[in-house]
PDB file of N, CA and C in Angstrom:
ATOM      1  N   MET A   1       0.806  -1.195   0.000  1.00  0.00           N
ATOM      2  CA  MET A   1       0.000   0.000   0.000  1.00  0.00           C
ATOM      3  C   MET A   1       0.853   1.263   0.000  1.00  0.00           C
ATOM      4  N   SER A   2       2.124   1.165   0.320  1.00  0.00           N
ATOM      5  CA  SER A   2       2.958   2.367   0.366  1.00  0.00           C
ATOM      6  C   SER A   2       3.111   2.993  -1.019  1.00  0.00           C
ATOM      7  N   CYS A   3       3.012   2.186  -2.069  1.00  0.00           N
ATOM      8  CA  CYS A   3       3.135   2.748  -3.412  1.00  0.00           C
ATOM      9  C   CYS A   3       1.910   3.584  -3.782  1.00  0.00           C
ATOM     10  N   LEU A   4       0.791   3.381  -3.113  1.00  0.00           N
ATOM     11  CA  LEU A   4      -0.417   4.155  -3.387  1.00  0.00           C
ATOM     12  C   LEU A   4      -0.532   5.406  -2.528  1.00  0.00           C
ATOM     13  N   LYS A   5       0.393   5.572  -1.604  1.00  0.00           N
ATOM     14  CA  LYS A   5       0.316   6.688  -0.657  1.00  0.00           C
ATOM     15  C   LYS A   5       0.263   8.035  -1.383  1.00  0.00           C
ATOM     16  N   PHE A   6       1.070   8.186  -2.415  1.00  0.00           N
ATOM     17  CA  PHE A   6       1.089   9.448  -3.156  1.00  0.00           C
ATOM     18  C   PHE A   6      -0.278   9.764  -3.748  1.00  0.00           C
ATOM     19  N   PHE A   7      -0.929   8.756  -4.325  1.00  0.00           N
ATOM     20  CA  PHE A   7      -2.206   8.984  -4.985  1.00  0.00           C
ATOM     21  C   PHE A   7      -3.355   9.134  -3.994  1.00  0.00           C
ATOM     22  N   MET A   8      -3.227   8.536  -2.830  1.00  0.00           N
ATOM     23  CA  MET A   8      -4.304   8.609  -1.856  1.00  0.00           C
ATOM     24  C   MET A   8      -4.273   9.895  -1.042  1.00  0.00           C
ATOM     25  N   PHE A   9      -3.097  10.451  -0.822  1.00  0.00           N
ATOM     26  CA  PHE A   9      -2.970  11.602   0.059  1.00  0.00           C
ATOM     27  C   PHE A   9      -2.555  12.881  -0.659  1.00  0.00           C
ATOM     28  N   THR A  10      -2.613  12.884  -1.980  1.00  0.00           N
ATOM     29  CA  THR A  10      -2.281  14.068  -2.751  1.00  0.00           C
ATOM     30  C   THR A  10      -3.541  14.566  -3.440  1.00  0.00           C
ATOM     31  N   SER A  11      -3.720  15.846  -3.426  1.00  0.00           N
ATOM     32  CA  SER A  11      -4.880  16.445  -4.081  1.00  0.00           C
ATOM     33  C   SER A  11      -4.520  16.756  -5.529  1.00  0.00           C
ATOM     34  N   PHE A  12      -5.389  16.385  -6.447  1.00  0.00           N
ATOM     35  CA  PHE A  12      -5.164  16.628  -7.865  1.00  0.00           C
ATOM     36  C   PHE A  12      -6.204  17.616  -8.375  1.00  0.00           C
ATOM     37  N   GLU A  13      -5.758  18.540  -9.191  1.00  0.00           N
ATOM     38  CA  GLU A  13      -6.655  19.529  -9.785  1.00  0.00           C
ATOM     39  C   GLU A  13      -6.597  19.351 -11.298  1.00  0.00           C
ATOM     40  N   TYR A  14      -7.756  19.241 -11.914  1.00  0.00           N
ATOM     41  CA  TYR A  14      -7.847  19.047 -13.355  1.00  0.00           C
ATOM     42  C   TYR A  14      -8.691  20.155 -13.964  1.00  0.00           C
ATOM     43  N   GLU A  15      -8.372  20.476 -15.203  1.00  0.00           N
ATOM     44  CA  GLU A  15      -9.230  21.396 -15.943  1.00  0.00           C
ATOM     45  C   GLU A  15     -10.400  20.600 -16.495  1.00  0.00           C
ATOM     46  N   ARG A  16     -11.582  21.178 -16.396  1.00  0.00           N
ATOM     47  CA  ARG A  16     -12.785  20.459 -16.783  1.00  0.00           C
ATOM     48  C   ARG A  16     -13.375  20.972 -18.094  1.00  0.00           C
ATOM     49  N   LYS A  17     -12.624  21.733 -18.850  1.00  0.00           N
ATOM     50  CA  LYS A  17     -13.165  22.330 -20.074  1.00  0.00           C
ATOM     51  C   LYS A  17     -13.632  21.260 -21.058  1.00  0.00           C
ATOM     52  N   ASN A  18     -12.828  20.211 -21.233  1.00  0.00           N
ATOM     53  CA  ASN A  18     -13.202  19.163 -22.182  1.00  0.00           C
ATOM     54  C   ASN A  18     -14.457  18.425 -21.740  1.00  0.00           C
ATOM     55  N   PHE A  19     -14.573  18.153 -20.435  1.00  0.00           N
ATOM     56  CA  PHE A  19     -15.776  17.492 -19.930  1.00  0.00           C
ATOM     57  C   PHE A  19     -17.006  18.380 -20.097  1.00  0.00           C
ATOM     58  N   GLU A  20     -16.842  19.663 -19.825  1.00  0.00           N
ATOM     59  CA  GLU A  20     -17.974  20.578 -19.969  1.00  0.00           C
ATOM     60  C   GLU A  20     -18.406  20.682 -21.424  1.00  0.00           C
ATOM     61  N   TYR A  21     -17.436  20.733 -22.337  1.00  0.00           N
ATOM     62  CA  TYR A  21     -17.768  20.790 -23.758  1.00  0.00           C
ATOM     63  C   TYR A  21     -18.436  19.496 -24.205  1.00  0.00           C
ATOM     64  N   LEU A  22     -17.928  18.371 -23.731  1.00  0.00           N
ATOM     65  CA  LEU A  22     -18.537  17.088 -24.067  1.00  0.00           C
ATOM     66  C   LEU A  22     -19.965  17.014 -23.533  1.00  0.00           C
ATOM     67  N   GLY A  23     -20.184  17.599 -22.369  1.00  0.00           N
ATOM     68  CA  GLY A  23     -21.527  17.623 -21.803  1.00  0.00           C
ATOM     69  C   GLY A  23     -22.509  18.390 -22.661  1.00  0.00           C
ATOM     70  N   THR A  24     -22.031  19.407 -23.377  1.00  0.00           N
ATOM     71  CA  THR A  24     -22.929  20.151 -24.266  1.00  0.00           C
ATOM     72  C   THR A  24     -23.243  19.370 -25.529  1.00  0.00           C
ATOM     73  N   LEU A  25     -22.392  18.429 -25.898  1.00  0.00           N
ATOM     74  CA  LEU A  25     -22.608  17.651 -27.118  1.00  0.00           C
ATOM     75  C   LEU A  25     -23.537  16.459 -26.921  1.00  0.00           C
ATOM     76  N   ILE A  26     -23.710  16.027 -25.689  1.00  0.00           N
ATOM     77  CA  ILE A  26     -24.518  14.838 -25.417  1.00  0.00           C
ATOM     78  C   ILE A  26     -25.997  15.170 -25.563  1.00  0.00           C
ATOM     79  N   GLN A  27     -26.716  14.266 -26.185  1.00  0.00           N
ATOM     80  CA  GLN A  27     -28.160  14.428 -26.351  1.00  0.00           C
ATOM     81  C   GLN A  27     -28.856  14.342 -24.998  1.00  0.00           C
ATOM     82  N   PRO A  28     -29.964  15.051 -24.819  1.00  0.00           N
ATOM     83  CA  PRO A  28     -30.662  15.036 -23.520  1.00  0.00           C
ATOM     84  C   PRO A  28     -31.106  13.645 -23.072  1.00  0.00           C
ATOM     85  N   GLU A  29     -31.490  12.785 -24.003  1.00  0.00           N
ATOM     86  CA  GLU A  29     -31.918  11.436 -23.603  1.00  0.00           C
ATOM     87  C   GLU A  29     -30.744  10.571 -23.154  1.00  0.00           C
ATOM     88  N   ASP A  30     -29.529  10.926 -23.577  1.00  0.00           N
ATOM     89  CA  ASP A  30     -28.346  10.172 -23.164  1.00  0.00           C
ATOM     90  C   ASP A  30     -27.783  10.652 -21.832  1.00  0.00           C
ATOM     91  N   ARG A  31     -28.199  11.816 -21.371  1.00  0.00           N
ATOM     92  CA  ARG A  31     -27.682  12.357 -20.114  1.00  0.00           C
ATOM     93  C   ARG A  31     -28.071  11.513 -18.909  1.00  0.00           C
ATOM     94  N   LYS A  32     -29.185  10.791 -18.995  1.00  0.00           N
ATOM     95  CA  LYS A  32     -29.585   9.957 -17.854  1.00  0.00           C
ATOM     96  C   LYS A  32     -28.650   8.755 -17.694  1.00  0.00           C
ATOM     97  N   ASP A  33     -28.023   8.294 -18.803  1.00  0.00           N
ATOM     98  CA  ASP A  33     -27.102   7.154 -18.742  1.00  0.00           C
ATOM     99  C   ASP A  33     -25.661   7.578 -18.492  1.00  0.00           C
ATOM    100  N   LEU A  34     -25.294   8.756 -18.957  1.00  0.00           N
ATOM    101  CA  LEU A  34     -23.909   9.217 -18.853  1.00  0.00           C
ATOM    102  C   LEU A  34     -23.876  10.591 -18.205  1.00  0.00           C
ATOM    103  N   SER A  35     -23.389  10.639 -17.011  1.00  0.00           N
ATOM    104  CA  SER A  35     -23.270  11.911 -16.303  1.00  0.00           C
ATOM    105  C   SER A  35     -21.807  12.335 -16.294  1.00  0.00           C
ATOM    106  N   LEU A  36     -21.555  13.557 -16.680  1.00  0.00           N
ATOM    107  CA  LEU A  36     -20.191  14.075 -16.712  1.00  0.00           C
ATOM    108  C   LEU A  36     -19.935  15.085 -15.606  1.00  0.00           C
ATOM    109  N   ASP A  37     -20.795  15.132 -14.626  1.00  0.00           N
ATOM    110  CA  ASP A  37     -20.623  16.052 -13.505  1.00  0.00           C
ATOM    111  C   ASP A  37     -19.843  15.337 -12.404  1.00  0.00           C
ATOM    112  N   PHE A  38     -18.552  15.638 -12.307  1.00  0.00           N
ATOM    113  CA  PHE A  38     -17.681  14.997 -11.326  1.00  0.00           C
ATOM    114  C   PHE A  38     -17.290  15.951 -10.205  1.00  0.00           C
ATOM    115  N   SER A  39     -18.070  16.987  -9.986  1.00  0.00           N
ATOM    116  CA  SER A  39     -17.693  17.997  -9.000  1.00  0.00           C
ATOM    117  C   SER A  39     -17.752  17.474  -7.573  1.00  0.00           C
ATOM    118  N   ASP A  40     -18.629  16.517  -7.288  1.00  0.00           N
ATOM    119  CA  ASP A  40     -18.775  16.033  -5.913  1.00  0.00           C
ATOM    120  C   ASP A  40     -18.213  14.623  -5.703  1.00  0.00           C
ATOM    121  N   VAL A  41     -17.422  14.132  -6.645  1.00  0.00           N
ATOM    122  CA  VAL A  41     -16.867  12.779  -6.550  1.00  0.00           C
ATOM    123  C   VAL A  41     -15.612  12.802  -5.683  1.00  0.00           C
ATOM    124  N   THR A  42     -15.500  11.826  -4.783  1.00  0.00           N
ATOM    125  CA  THR A  42     -14.310  11.704  -3.941  1.00  0.00           C
ATOM    126  C   THR A  42     -13.639  10.363  -4.205  1.00  0.00           C
ATOM    127  N   LEU A  43     -12.370  10.273  -3.831  1.00  0.00           N
ATOM    128  CA  LEU A  43     -11.629   9.035  -4.037  1.00  0.00           C
ATOM    129  C   LEU A  43     -12.208   7.899  -3.207  1.00  0.00           C
ATOM    130  N   SER A  44     -12.614   8.190  -1.991  1.00  0.00           N
ATOM    131  CA  SER A  44     -13.172   7.125  -1.146  1.00  0.00           C
ATOM    132  C   SER A  44     -14.480   6.603  -1.725  1.00  0.00           C
ATOM    133  N   GLU A  45     -15.282   7.479  -2.312  1.00  0.00           N
ATOM    134  CA  GLU A  45     -16.533   7.048  -2.939  1.00  0.00           C
ATOM    135  C   GLU A  45     -16.253   6.146  -4.139  1.00  0.00           C
ATOM    136  N   LYS A  46     -15.268   6.519  -4.956  1.00  0.00           N
ATOM    137  CA  LYS A  46     -14.927   5.708  -6.123  1.00  0.00           C
ATOM    138  C   LYS A  46     -14.284   4.387  -5.719  1.00  0.00           C
ATOM    139  N   SER A  47     -13.479   4.387  -4.673  1.00  0.00           N
ATOM    140  CA  SER A  47     -12.818   3.148  -4.260  1.00  0.00           C
ATOM    141  C   SER A  47     -13.814   2.141  -3.702  1.00  0.00           C
ATOM    142  N   LEU A  48     -14.913   2.612  -3.142  1.00  0.00           N
ATOM    143  CA  LEU A  48     -15.931   1.685  -2.651  1.00  0.00           C
ATOM    144  C   LEU A  48     -16.687   1.010  -3.787  1.00  0.00           C
ATOM    145  N   SER A  49     -16.740   1.648  -4.951  1.00  0.00           N
ATOM    146  CA  SER A  49     -17.465   1.063  -6.074  1.00  0.00           C
ATOM    147  C   SER A  49     -16.584   0.203  -6.967  1.00  0.00           C
ATOM    148  N   VAL A  50     -15.290   0.121  -6.703  1.00  0.00           N
ATOM    149  CA  VAL A  50     -14.384  -0.664  -7.543  1.00  0.00           C
ATOM    150  C   VAL A  50     -14.749  -2.148  -7.584  1.00  0.00           C
ATOM    151  N   PRO A  51     -15.033  -2.808  -6.465  1.00  0.00           N
ATOM    152  CA  PRO A  51     -15.342  -4.239  -6.550  1.00  0.00           C
ATOM    153  C   PRO A  51     -16.601  -4.570  -7.339  1.00  0.00           C
ATOM    154  N   GLU A  52     -17.473  -3.606  -7.577  1.00  0.00           N
ATOM    155  CA  GLU A  52     -18.680  -3.876  -8.344  1.00  0.00           C
ATOM    156  C   GLU A  52     -18.368  -4.191  -9.796  1.00  0.00           C
ATOM    157  N   GLY A  53     -17.230  -3.746 -10.276  1.00  0.00           N
ATOM    158  CA  GLY A  53     -16.883  -3.940 -11.674  1.00  0.00           C
ATOM    159  C   GLY A  53     -16.402  -5.333 -12.005  1.00  0.00           C
ATOM    160  N   SER A  54     -15.960  -6.083 -11.037  1.00  0.00           N
ATOM    161  CA  SER A  54     -15.417  -7.408 -11.304  1.00  0.00           C
ATOM    162  C   SER A  54     -15.838  -8.379 -10.212  1.00  0.00           C
ATOM    163  N   PRO A  55     -16.584  -9.417 -10.578  1.00  0.00           N
ATOM    164  CA  PRO A  55     -16.987 -10.384  -9.550  1.00  0.00           C
ATOM    165  C   PRO A  55     -15.804 -11.155  -8.970  1.00  0.00           C
ATOM    166  N   PHE A  56     -14.648 -11.125  -9.665  1.00  0.00           N
ATOM    167  CA  PHE A  56     -13.462 -11.792  -9.147  1.00  0.00           C
ATOM    168  C   PHE A  56     -13.041 -11.180  -7.821  1.00  0.00           C
ATOM    169  N   TYR A  57     -13.273  -9.869  -7.656  1.00  0.00           N
ATOM    170  CA  TYR A  57     -12.886  -9.182  -6.433  1.00  0.00           C
ATOM    171  C   TYR A  57     -14.039  -9.006  -5.453  1.00  0.00           C
ATOM    172  N   ASP A  58     -15.247  -9.367  -5.854  1.00  0.00           N
ATOM    173  CA  ASP A  58     -16.392  -9.256  -4.953  1.00  0.00           C
ATOM    174  C   ASP A  58     -16.521 -10.577  -4.209  1.00  0.00           C
ATOM    175  N   TRP A  59     -16.095 -10.602  -2.964  1.00  0.00           N
ATOM    176  CA  TRP A  59     -16.031 -11.851  -2.215  1.00  0.00           C
ATOM    177  C   TRP A  59     -17.393 -12.335  -1.766  1.00  0.00           C
ATOM    178  N   LYS A  60     -18.424 -11.513  -1.908  1.00  0.00           N
ATOM    179  CA  LYS A  60     -19.771 -11.994  -1.610  1.00  0.00           C
ATOM    180  C   LYS A  60     -20.276 -12.885  -2.736  1.00  0.00           C
ATOM    181  N   LYS A  61     -19.882 -12.573  -3.968  1.00  0.00           N
ATOM    182  CA  LYS A  61     -20.303 -13.373  -5.120  1.00  0.00           C
ATOM    183  C   LYS A  61     -19.329 -14.518  -5.384  1.00  0.00           C
ATOM    184  N   ASP A  62     -18.043 -14.256  -5.213  1.00  0.00           N
ATOM    185  CA  ASP A  62     -17.005 -15.238  -5.513  1.00  0.00           C
ATOM    186  C   ASP A  62     -16.537 -15.860  -4.201  1.00  0.00           C
ATOM    187  N   ARG A  63     -16.889 -17.098  -3.960  1.00  0.00           N
ATOM    188  CA  ARG A  63     -16.593 -17.752  -2.681  1.00  0.00           C
ATOM    189  C   ARG A  63     -15.332 -18.618  -2.728  1.00  0.00           C
ATOM    190  N   LYS A  64     -14.434 -18.348  -3.671  1.00  0.00           N
ATOM    191  CA  LYS A  64     -13.215 -19.152  -3.777  1.00  0.00           C
ATOM    192  C   LYS A  64     -12.246 -18.791  -2.654  1.00  0.00           C
ATOM    193  N   SER A  65     -11.402 -19.737  -2.319  1.00  0.00           N
ATOM    194  CA  SER A  65     -10.392 -19.478  -1.294  1.00  0.00           C
ATOM    195  C   SER A  65      -9.272 -18.617  -1.884  1.00  0.00           C
ATOM    196  N   GLN A  66      -8.444 -18.068  -1.012  1.00  0.00           N
ATOM    197  CA  GLN A  66      -7.359 -17.208  -1.474  1.00  0.00           C
ATOM    198  C   GLN A  66      -6.365 -17.995  -2.323  1.00  0.00           C
ATOM    199  N   SER A  67      -6.078 -19.227  -1.953  1.00  0.00           N
ATOM    200  CA  SER A  67      -5.130 -20.027  -2.738  1.00  0.00           C
ATOM    201  C   SER A  67      -5.697 -20.335  -4.123  1.00  0.00           C
ATOM    202  N   GLU A  68      -7.006 -20.565  -4.204  1.00  0.00           N
ATOM    203  CA  GLU A  68      -7.609 -20.829  -5.508  1.00  0.00           C
ATOM    204  C   GLU A  68      -7.594 -19.567  -6.378  1.00  0.00           C
ATOM    205  N   ARG A  69      -7.826 -18.421  -5.768  1.00  0.00           N
ATOM    206  CA  ARG A  69      -7.741 -17.157  -6.513  1.00  0.00           C
ATOM    207  C   ARG A  69      -6.316 -16.922  -7.013  1.00  0.00           C
ATOM    208  N   GLN A  70      -5.320 -17.224  -6.173  1.00  0.00           N
ATOM    209  CA  GLN A  70      -3.927 -17.062  -6.594  1.00  0.00           C
ATOM    210  C   GLN A  70      -3.600 -18.005  -7.743  1.00  0.00           C
ATOM    211  N   ARG A  71      -4.117 -19.216  -7.679  1.00  0.00           N
ATOM    212  CA  ARG A  71      -3.876 -20.178  -8.754  1.00  0.00           C
ATOM    213  C   ARG A  71      -4.497 -19.686 -10.063  1.00  0.00           C
ATOM    214  N   ILE A  72      -5.704 -19.139  -9.985  1.00  0.00           N
ATOM    215  CA  ILE A  72      -6.360 -18.607 -11.179  1.00  0.00           C
ATOM    216  C   ILE A  72      -5.564 -17.433 -11.745  1.00  0.00           C
ATOM    217  N   ALA A  73      -5.100 -16.552 -10.870  1.00  0.00           N
ATOM    218  CA  ALA A  73      -4.305 -15.403 -11.321  1.00  0.00           C
ATOM    219  C   ALA A  73      -2.993 -15.863 -11.957  1.00  0.00           C
ATOM    220  N   GLN A  74      -2.348 -16.873 -11.383  1.00  0.00           N
ATOM    221  CA  GLN A  74      -1.109 -17.395 -11.960  1.00  0.00           C
ATOM    222  C   GLN A  74      -1.371 -18.042 -13.313  1.00  0.00           C
ATOM    223  N   ASN A  75      -2.483 -18.769 -13.437  1.00  0.00           N
ATOM    224  CA  ASN A  75      -2.813 -19.385 -14.724  1.00  0.00           C
ATOM    225  C   ASN A  75      -3.084 -18.320 -15.787  1.00  0.00           C
ATOM    226  N   ARG A  76      -3.762 -17.246 -15.410  1.00  0.00           N
ATOM    227  CA  ARG A  76      -3.991 -16.147 -16.356  1.00  0.00           C
ATOM    228  C   ARG A  76      -2.666 -15.526 -16.772  1.00  0.00           C
ATOM    229  N   HIS A  77      -1.776 -15.334 -15.818  1.00  0.00           N
ATOM    230  CA  HIS A  77      -0.465 -14.762 -16.120  1.00  0.00           C
ATOM    231  C   HIS A  77       0.303 -15.672 -17.077  1.00  0.00           C
ATOM    232  N   ARG A  78       0.289 -16.960 -16.817  1.00  0.00           N
ATOM    233  CA  ARG A  78       0.993 -17.910 -17.700  1.00  0.00           C
ATOM    234  C   ARG A  78       0.396 -17.904 -19.105  1.00  0.00           C
ATOM    235  N   LEU A  79      -0.932 -17.849 -19.201  1.00  0.00           N
ATOM    236  CA  LEU A  79      -1.584 -17.820 -20.507  1.00  0.00           C
ATOM    237  C   LEU A  79      -1.201 -16.564 -21.281  1.00  0.00           C
ATOM    238  N   ILE A  80      -1.195 -15.429 -20.615  1.00  0.00           N
ATOM    239  CA  ILE A  80      -0.825 -14.173 -21.279  1.00  0.00           C
ATOM    240  C   ILE A  80       0.624 -14.224 -21.738  1.00  0.00           C
ATOM    241  N   LYS A  81       1.516 -14.748 -20.900  1.00  0.00           N
ATOM    242  CA  LYS A  81       2.929 -14.855 -21.283  1.00  0.00           C
ATOM    243  C   LYS A  81       3.108 -15.825 -22.451  1.00  0.00           C
ATOM    244  N   ALA A  82       2.354 -16.919 -22.467  1.00  0.00           N
ATOM    245  CA  ALA A  82       2.449 -17.878 -23.572  1.00  0.00           C
ATOM    246  C   ALA A  82       1.981 -17.246 -24.880  1.00  0.00           C
ATOM    247  N   ILE A  83       0.910 -16.483 -24.821  1.00  0.00           N
ATOM    248  CA  ILE A  83       0.420 -15.810 -26.022  1.00  0.00           C
ATOM    249  C   ILE A  83       1.436 -14.781 -26.501  1.00  0.00           C
ATOM    250  N   GLN A  84       2.026 -14.034 -25.579  1.00  0.00           N
ATOM    251  CA  GLN A  84       3.059 -13.063 -25.957  1.00  0.00           C
ATOM    252  C   GLN A  84       4.261 -13.765 -26.571  1.00  0.00           C
ATOM    253  N   TRP A  85       4.665 -14.891 -26.013  1.00  0.00           N
ATOM    254  CA  TRP A  85       5.811 -15.634 -26.533  1.00  0.00           C
ATOM    255  C   TRP A  85       5.512 -16.158 -27.939  1.00  0.00           C
ATOM    256  N   MET A  86       4.308 -16.708 -28.142  1.00  0.00           N
ATOM    257  CA  MET A  86       3.947 -17.220 -29.470  1.00  0.00           C
ATOM    258  C   MET A  86       3.914 -16.087 -30.496  1.00  0.00           C
ATOM    259  N   PHE A  87       3.397 -14.930 -30.109  1.00  0.00           N
ATOM    260  CA  PHE A  87       3.387 -13.788 -31.022  1.00  0.00           C
ATOM    261  C   PHE A  87       4.809 -13.364 -31.373  1.00  0.00           C
ATOM    262  N   LEU A  88       5.689 -13.317 -30.386  1.00  0.00           N
ATOM    263  CA  LEU A  88       7.077 -12.933 -30.625  1.00  0.00           C
ATOM    264  C   LEU A  88       7.773 -13.931 -31.550  1.00  0.00           C
ATOM    265  N   MET A  89       7.559 -15.217 -31.324  1.00  0.00           N
ATOM    266  CA  MET A  89       8.177 -16.229 -32.178  1.00  0.00           C
ATOM    267  C   MET A  89       7.637 -16.145 -33.608  1.00  0.00           C
ATOM    268  N   THR A  90       6.346 -15.919 -33.745  1.00  0.00           N
ATOM    269  CA  THR A  90       5.758 -15.774 -35.079  1.00  0.00           C
ATOM    270  C   THR A  90       6.330 -14.552 -35.785  1.00  0.00           C
ATOM    271  N   PHE A  91       6.485 -13.470 -35.056  1.00  0.00           N
ATOM    272  CA  PHE A  91       7.058 -12.253 -35.624  1.00  0.00           C
ATOM    273  C   PHE A  91       8.512 -12.483 -36.041  1.00  0.00           C
ATOM    274  N   CYS A  92       9.291 -13.176 -35.213  1.00  0.00           N
ATOM    275  CA  CYS A  92      10.691 -13.477 -35.559  1.00  0.00           C
ATOM    276  C   CYS A  92      10.771 -14.372 -36.788  1.00  0.00           C
ATOM    277  N   LEU A  93       9.894 -15.355 -36.870  1.00  0.00           N
ATOM    278  CA  LEU A  93       9.878 -16.216 -38.056  1.00  0.00           C
ATOM    279  C   LEU A  93       9.494 -15.434 -39.307  1.00  0.00           C
ATOM    280  N   LEU A  94       8.580 -14.507 -39.170  1.00  0.00           N
ATOM    281  CA  LEU A  94       8.188 -13.674 -40.303  1.00  0.00           C
ATOM    282  C   LEU A  94       9.360 -12.813 -40.765  1.00  0.00           C
ATOM    283  N   ILE A  95      10.073 -12.225 -39.829  1.00  0.00           N
ATOM    284  CA  ILE A  95      11.253 -11.420 -40.187  1.00  0.00           C
ATOM    285  C   ILE A  95      12.313 -12.296 -40.847  1.00  0.00           C
ATOM    286  N   TYR A  96      12.548 -13.486 -40.309  1.00  0.00           N
ATOM    287  CA  TYR A  96      13.516 -14.411 -40.902  1.00  0.00           C
ATOM    288  C   TYR A  96      13.110 -14.771 -42.329  1.00  0.00           C
ATOM    289  N   TRP A  97      11.829 -15.044 -42.535  1.00  0.00           N
ATOM    290  CA  TRP A  97      11.338 -15.421 -43.859  1.00  0.00           C
ATOM    291  C   TRP A  97      11.506 -14.264 -44.843  1.00  0.00           C
ATOM    292  N   VAL A  98      11.201 -13.043 -44.409  1.00  0.00           N
ATOM    293  CA  VAL A  98      11.332 -11.881 -45.289  1.00  0.00           C
ATOM    294  C   VAL A  98      12.792 -11.653 -45.654  1.00  0.00           C
ATOM    295  N   PHE A  99      13.692 -11.699 -44.677  1.00  0.00           N
ATOM    296  CA  PHE A  99      15.106 -11.474 -44.967  1.00  0.00           C
ATOM    297  C   PHE A  99      15.703 -12.610 -45.788  1.00  0.00           C
ATOM    298  N   SER A 100      15.253 -13.830 -45.581  1.00  0.00           N
ATOM    299  CA  SER A 100      15.779 -14.936 -46.387  1.00  0.00           C
ATOM    300  C   SER A 100      15.320 -14.813 -47.834  1.00  0.00           C
ATOM    301  N   ARG A 101      14.134 -14.270 -48.070  1.00  0.00           N
ATOM    302  CA  ARG A 101      13.660 -14.056 -49.444  1.00  0.00           C
ATOM    303  C   ARG A 101      14.419 -12.906 -50.113  1.00  0.00           C
ATOM    304  N   ILE A 102      14.780 -11.914 -49.339  1.00  0.00           N
ATOM    305  CA  ILE A 102      15.452 -10.746 -49.912  1.00  0.00           C
ATOM    306  C   ILE A 102      16.917 -11.039 -50.212  1.00  0.00           C
ATOM    307  N   PHE A 103      17.623 -11.664 -49.286  1.00  0.00           N
ATOM    308  CA  PHE A 103      19.073 -11.815 -49.408  1.00  0.00           C
ATOM    309  C   PHE A 103      19.518 -13.153 -49.980  1.00  0.00           C
ATOM    310  N   LEU A 104      18.631 -14.075 -50.199  1.00  0.00           N
ATOM    311  CA  LEU A 104      19.053 -15.366 -50.772  1.00  0.00           C
ATOM    312  C   LEU A 104      18.530 -15.584 -52.147  1.00  0.00           C
TER     313      LEU A 104
END
């Protein structure tokens, strides 16, 4: 949690011109689904709504043990690395094929 200390205890100020302009472009019927008024939003309010976005982190819906969650996360990591490795090998083979056609 120490790496998040800067973001949790620092106040950020943003210009809202783009959001205000975007708000003028939105159709009135779409305003009920998309609100661009962030004047009263706080970090603690947003952090409480984070688990709603993913049932993997909502422990009321997902009753898996911590070790099972770690195993799932490790399997996802391995799958992503395998896909990246296969893409890299395919790209290297493509480069080899192109250079062998050009120089041989």
